[in-house]
Amino acid sequence: MFPELSRHKKHGYSAVPSKWFARLREQLGFKREGVQKDFHSFRHSFADHLKQKGIAESLVGGVLGHQSEGITFSRYGKDFQPEILAPIVESVSFPGILGEVA
């Protein structure tokens, strides 16, 4: 999907994007004393936001790219189609961050 990324021996494909995000975070002033937020913090916040909205775990997992644990869906089921997951992603809003981002 991203052919320009190279694989780091220890950190895989996430090394370069993580370093990029760290620089961006500092430039935007998001680095605060005692607060360790990294690129994956968005993933945690996103999952928690959907959980608090009552979205089914299987759908949240589909959006985050997690595999199903049960044999029924992990072995026999296909991934969710984009048209199923799109309304879930579109339902996300973070008021107070750059206005309201939805």
N, C-alpha and C. Protein backbone atom coordinates (compact mmCIF):
# COMPACT_ATOMS: atom_id res chain seq x y z
N MET A 1 0.82 -1.19 0.00
CA MET A 1 0.00 0.00 0.00
C MET A 1 0.87 1.26 0.00
N PHE A 2 1.98 1.24 0.73
CA PHE A 2 2.88 2.38 0.80
C PHE A 2 4.27 1.94 0.35
N PRO A 3 4.51 1.87 -0.94
CA PRO A 3 5.77 1.33 -1.45
C PRO A 3 7.00 2.16 -1.06
N GLU A 4 6.79 3.42 -0.67
CA GLU A 4 7.93 4.25 -0.31
C GLU A 4 8.48 3.92 1.08
N LEU A 5 7.75 3.15 1.88
CA LEU A 5 8.22 2.77 3.21
C LEU A 5 9.19 1.60 3.12
N SER A 6 10.24 1.70 3.91
CA SER A 6 11.17 0.58 3.97
C SER A 6 11.01 -0.10 5.34
N ARG A 7 11.34 -1.36 5.39
CA ARG A 7 11.19 -2.15 6.61
C ARG A 7 12.42 -2.00 7.49
N HIS A 8 12.21 -1.56 8.73
CA HIS A 8 13.26 -1.44 9.73
C HIS A 8 13.45 -2.82 10.37
N LYS A 9 14.69 -3.21 10.65
CA LYS A 9 14.96 -4.54 11.20
C LYS A 9 14.20 -4.81 12.50
N LYS A 10 14.17 -3.83 13.38
CA LYS A 10 13.56 -4.04 14.70
C LYS A 10 12.11 -3.56 14.77
N HIS A 11 11.80 -2.44 14.10
CA HIS A 11 10.49 -1.81 14.27
C HIS A 11 9.56 -1.97 13.08
N GLY A 12 9.96 -2.74 12.10
CA GLY A 12 9.10 -2.97 10.95
C GLY A 12 8.83 -1.71 10.16
N TYR A 13 7.66 -1.63 9.58
CA TYR A 13 7.30 -0.50 8.72
C TYR A 13 6.86 0.74 9.50
N SER A 14 6.68 0.62 10.80
CA SER A 14 6.18 1.76 11.56
C SER A 14 7.27 2.73 12.00
N ALA A 15 8.53 2.40 11.84
CA ALA A 15 9.62 3.24 12.33
C ALA A 15 9.60 4.64 11.74
N VAL A 16 9.54 4.76 10.44
CA VAL A 16 9.59 6.07 9.79
C VAL A 16 8.33 6.89 10.09
N PRO A 17 7.11 6.32 9.95
CA PRO A 17 5.92 7.12 10.29
C PRO A 17 5.91 7.55 11.77
N SER A 18 6.39 6.72 12.66
CA SER A 18 6.43 7.07 14.08
C SER A 18 7.37 8.25 14.33
N LYS A 19 8.52 8.25 13.68
CA LYS A 19 9.45 9.37 13.83
C LYS A 19 8.85 10.64 13.23
N TRP A 20 8.20 10.51 12.09
CA TRP A 20 7.54 11.65 11.47
C TRP A 20 6.50 12.23 12.42
N PHE A 21 5.69 11.37 13.04
CA PHE A 21 4.65 11.85 13.94
C PHE A 21 5.25 12.54 15.16
N ALA A 22 6.33 12.02 15.69
CA ALA A 22 6.99 12.64 16.85
C ALA A 22 7.43 14.06 16.53
N ARG A 23 8.00 14.25 15.34
CA ARG A 23 8.42 15.60 14.93
C ARG A 23 7.21 16.52 14.75
N LEU A 24 6.18 16.02 14.11
CA LEU A 24 4.96 16.80 13.89
C LEU A 24 4.32 17.18 15.22
N ARG A 25 4.25 16.23 16.13
CA ARG A 25 3.66 16.47 17.45
C ARG A 25 4.37 17.63 18.15
N GLU A 26 5.67 17.63 18.10
CA GLU A 26 6.44 18.70 18.75
C GLU A 26 6.22 20.04 18.05
N GLN A 27 6.18 20.03 16.72
CA GLN A 27 5.97 21.27 15.96
C GLN A 27 4.61 21.88 16.29
N LEU A 28 3.60 21.03 16.50
CA LEU A 28 2.25 21.51 16.79
C LEU A 28 2.04 21.83 18.27
N GLY A 29 3.05 21.53 19.09
CA GLY A 29 2.97 21.84 20.51
C GLY A 29 2.18 20.85 21.34
N PHE A 30 2.05 19.62 20.87
CA PHE A 30 1.28 18.61 21.61
C PHE A 30 2.11 17.87 22.64
N LYS A 31 3.39 18.12 22.69
CA LYS A 31 4.22 17.42 23.66
C LYS A 31 4.14 18.16 24.99
N ARG A 32 3.67 17.46 26.00
CA ARG A 32 3.56 18.05 27.33
C ARG A 32 4.37 17.23 28.32
N GLU A 33 4.82 17.90 29.35
CA GLU A 33 5.60 17.26 30.41
C GLU A 33 4.81 16.11 31.03
N GLY A 34 5.40 14.94 31.07
CA GLY A 34 4.78 13.78 31.72
C GLY A 34 3.72 13.07 30.90
N VAL A 35 3.42 13.56 29.71
CA VAL A 35 2.40 12.92 28.87
C VAL A 35 3.10 12.24 27.70
N GLN A 36 2.98 10.94 27.63
CA GLN A 36 3.61 10.17 26.56
C GLN A 36 2.54 9.73 25.57
N LYS A 37 2.34 10.50 24.55
CA LYS A 37 1.39 10.14 23.50
C LYS A 37 2.18 9.86 22.23
N ASP A 38 1.91 8.75 21.61
CA ASP A 38 2.58 8.43 20.37
C ASP A 38 1.53 8.19 19.28
N PHE A 39 1.98 7.77 18.14
CA PHE A 39 1.09 7.58 17.00
C PHE A 39 -0.03 6.58 17.32
N HIS A 40 0.30 5.54 18.10
CA HIS A 40 -0.71 4.52 18.42
C HIS A 40 -1.73 5.01 19.44
N SER A 41 -1.48 6.14 20.08
CA SER A 41 -2.46 6.70 21.00
C SER A 41 -3.76 7.04 20.27
N PHE A 42 -3.65 7.43 19.00
CA PHE A 42 -4.85 7.69 18.21
C PHE A 42 -5.69 6.43 18.09
N ARG A 43 -5.04 5.31 17.90
CA ARG A 43 -5.75 4.04 17.77
C ARG A 43 -6.52 3.71 19.05
N HIS A 44 -5.86 3.92 20.20
CA HIS A 44 -6.52 3.67 21.49
C HIS A 44 -7.70 4.61 21.68
N SER A 45 -7.50 5.89 21.38
CA SER A 45 -8.58 6.87 21.54
C SER A 45 -9.75 6.56 20.62
N PHE A 46 -9.44 6.18 19.40
CA PHE A 46 -10.46 5.85 18.42
C PHE A 46 -11.28 4.64 18.88
N ALA A 47 -10.60 3.59 19.34
CA ALA A 47 -11.30 2.39 19.82
C ALA A 47 -12.16 2.72 21.03
N ASP A 48 -11.64 3.51 21.96
CA ASP A 48 -12.40 3.86 23.15
C ASP A 48 -13.62 4.70 22.78
N HIS A 49 -13.44 5.64 21.86
CA HIS A 49 -14.54 6.49 21.41
C HIS A 49 -15.68 5.63 20.86
N LEU A 50 -15.35 4.67 20.01
CA LEU A 50 -16.37 3.79 19.43
C LEU A 50 -17.00 2.89 20.49
N LYS A 51 -16.21 2.42 21.44
CA LYS A 51 -16.74 1.59 22.52
C LYS A 51 -17.77 2.37 23.33
N GLN A 52 -17.45 3.63 23.66
CA GLN A 52 -18.36 4.46 24.45
C GLN A 52 -19.64 4.77 23.69
N LYS A 53 -19.59 4.71 22.37
CA LYS A 53 -20.79 4.93 21.55
C LYS A 53 -21.63 3.66 21.43
N GLY A 54 -21.12 2.54 21.97
CA GLY A 54 -21.87 1.29 21.92
C GLY A 54 -21.72 0.52 20.62
N ILE A 55 -20.69 0.81 19.85
CA ILE A 55 -20.46 0.10 18.59
C ILE A 55 -19.97 -1.32 18.92
N ALA A 56 -20.48 -2.30 18.23
CA ALA A 56 -20.12 -3.71 18.47
C ALA A 56 -18.61 -3.91 18.29
N GLU A 57 -18.04 -4.71 19.18
CA GLU A 57 -16.60 -4.97 19.15
C GLU A 57 -16.14 -5.53 17.81
N SER A 58 -16.96 -6.37 17.19
CA SER A 58 -16.56 -6.94 15.90
C SER A 58 -16.41 -5.85 14.83
N LEU A 59 -17.28 -4.84 14.88
CA LEU A 59 -17.19 -3.75 13.91
C LEU A 59 -16.00 -2.84 14.20
N VAL A 60 -15.75 -2.57 15.49
CA VAL A 60 -14.58 -1.77 15.85
C VAL A 60 -13.32 -2.51 15.41
N GLY A 61 -13.28 -3.81 15.65
CA GLY A 61 -12.14 -4.62 15.20
C GLY A 61 -11.97 -4.56 13.70
N GLY A 62 -13.07 -4.55 12.97
CA GLY A 62 -13.00 -4.45 11.52
C GLY A 62 -12.40 -3.13 11.07
N VAL A 63 -12.77 -2.05 11.73
CA VAL A 63 -12.23 -0.73 11.39
C VAL A 63 -10.74 -0.67 11.72
N LEU A 64 -10.35 -1.25 12.87
CA LEU A 64 -8.96 -1.20 13.29
C LEU A 64 -8.08 -2.24 12.61
N GLY A 65 -8.68 -3.14 11.87
CA GLY A 65 -7.90 -4.15 11.17
C GLY A 65 -7.57 -5.37 12.01
N HIS A 66 -8.30 -5.57 13.10
CA HIS A 66 -8.07 -6.75 13.94
C HIS A 66 -8.75 -7.97 13.34
N GLN A 67 -8.19 -9.10 13.59
CA GLN A 67 -8.79 -10.34 13.12
C GLN A 67 -9.79 -10.86 14.15
N SER A 68 -10.81 -11.56 13.68
CA SER A 68 -11.79 -12.17 14.58
C SER A 68 -11.14 -13.32 15.32
N GLU A 69 -11.54 -13.48 16.58
CA GLU A 69 -10.96 -14.56 17.38
C GLU A 69 -11.73 -15.86 17.25
N GLY A 70 -13.02 -15.79 17.09
CA GLY A 70 -13.83 -17.01 17.01
C GLY A 70 -13.63 -17.73 15.69
N ILE A 71 -13.77 -19.02 15.71
CA ILE A 71 -13.53 -19.82 14.50
C ILE A 71 -14.54 -19.51 13.39
N THR A 72 -15.77 -19.16 13.78
CA THR A 72 -16.80 -18.91 12.77
C THR A 72 -16.39 -17.80 11.81
N PHE A 73 -15.94 -16.66 12.35
CA PHE A 73 -15.58 -15.55 11.49
C PHE A 73 -14.12 -15.55 11.08
N SER A 74 -13.24 -16.05 11.94
CA SER A 74 -11.83 -16.03 11.57
C SER A 74 -11.51 -17.04 10.48
N ARG A 75 -12.21 -18.17 10.49
CA ARG A 75 -11.91 -19.20 9.51
C ARG A 75 -12.82 -19.12 8.29
N TYR A 76 -14.11 -18.86 8.54
CA TYR A 76 -15.08 -18.94 7.45
C TYR A 76 -15.61 -17.59 6.98
N GLY A 77 -15.54 -16.59 7.81
CA GLY A 77 -16.09 -15.29 7.45
C GLY A 77 -15.08 -14.43 6.71
N LYS A 78 -15.57 -13.56 5.91
CA LYS A 78 -14.74 -12.58 5.19
C LYS A 78 -14.66 -11.30 6.00
N ASP A 79 -13.72 -10.42 5.64
CA ASP A 79 -13.63 -9.11 6.28
C ASP A 79 -14.89 -8.31 5.97
N PHE A 80 -15.19 -7.34 6.83
CA PHE A 80 -16.32 -6.46 6.58
C PHE A 80 -16.07 -5.68 5.29
N GLN A 81 -17.12 -5.47 4.54
CA GLN A 81 -17.05 -4.66 3.33
C GLN A 81 -16.95 -3.18 3.73
N PRO A 82 -16.26 -2.37 2.93
CA PRO A 82 -16.10 -0.94 3.27
C PRO A 82 -17.43 -0.22 3.51
N GLU A 83 -18.46 -0.57 2.77
CA GLU A 83 -19.74 0.12 2.96
C GLU A 83 -20.38 -0.18 4.31
N ILE A 84 -19.97 -1.26 4.96
CA ILE A 84 -20.44 -1.57 6.31
C ILE A 84 -19.68 -0.75 7.34
N LEU A 85 -18.37 -0.58 7.13
CA LEU A 85 -17.53 0.12 8.10
C LEU A 85 -17.55 1.64 7.95
N ALA A 86 -17.84 2.13 6.75
CA ALA A 86 -17.80 3.58 6.50
C ALA A 86 -18.68 4.38 7.46
N PRO A 87 -19.94 3.97 7.71
CA PRO A 87 -20.76 4.76 8.64
C PRO A 87 -20.20 4.82 10.06
N ILE A 88 -19.47 3.79 10.45
CA ILE A 88 -18.86 3.78 11.78
C ILE A 88 -17.77 4.84 11.84
N VAL A 89 -16.91 4.86 10.84
CA VAL A 89 -15.83 5.85 10.79
C VAL A 89 -16.43 7.25 10.71
N GLU A 90 -17.47 7.42 9.92
CA GLU A 90 -18.10 8.72 9.75
C GLU A 90 -18.81 9.20 11.02
N SER A 91 -19.13 8.29 11.93
CA SER A 91 -19.81 8.67 13.17
C SER A 91 -18.88 9.27 14.21
N VAL A 92 -17.58 9.21 13.96
CA VAL A 92 -16.60 9.69 14.93
C VAL A 92 -16.46 11.19 14.86
N SER A 93 -16.48 11.82 16.03
CA SER A 93 -16.21 13.25 16.11
C SER A 93 -15.43 13.51 17.40
N PHE A 94 -14.55 14.47 17.34
CA PHE A 94 -13.74 14.86 18.49
C PHE A 94 -13.92 16.35 18.70
N PRO A 95 -14.98 16.75 19.41
CA PRO A 95 -15.23 18.17 19.65
C PRO A 95 -14.08 18.82 20.38
N GLY A 96 -13.81 20.06 20.03
CA GLY A 96 -12.76 20.81 20.70
C GLY A 96 -11.39 20.65 20.09
N ILE A 97 -11.24 19.76 19.13
CA ILE A 97 -9.96 19.56 18.47
C ILE A 97 -10.09 20.15 17.07
N LEU A 98 -9.45 21.29 16.85
CA LEU A 98 -9.52 21.99 15.58
C LEU A 98 -10.97 22.21 15.17
N GLY A 99 -11.75 22.76 16.06
CA GLY A 99 -13.18 22.89 15.83
C GLY A 99 -13.79 21.55 16.15
N GLU A 100 -14.69 21.09 15.36
CA GLU A 100 -15.20 19.73 15.51
C GLU A 100 -14.83 18.97 14.27
N VAL A 101 -14.02 17.93 14.46
CA VAL A 101 -13.59 17.11 13.35
C VAL A 101 -14.47 15.89 13.32
N ALA A 102 -15.15 15.71 12.22
CA ALA A 102 -16.04 14.56 12.11
C ALA A 102 -15.66 13.74 10.91
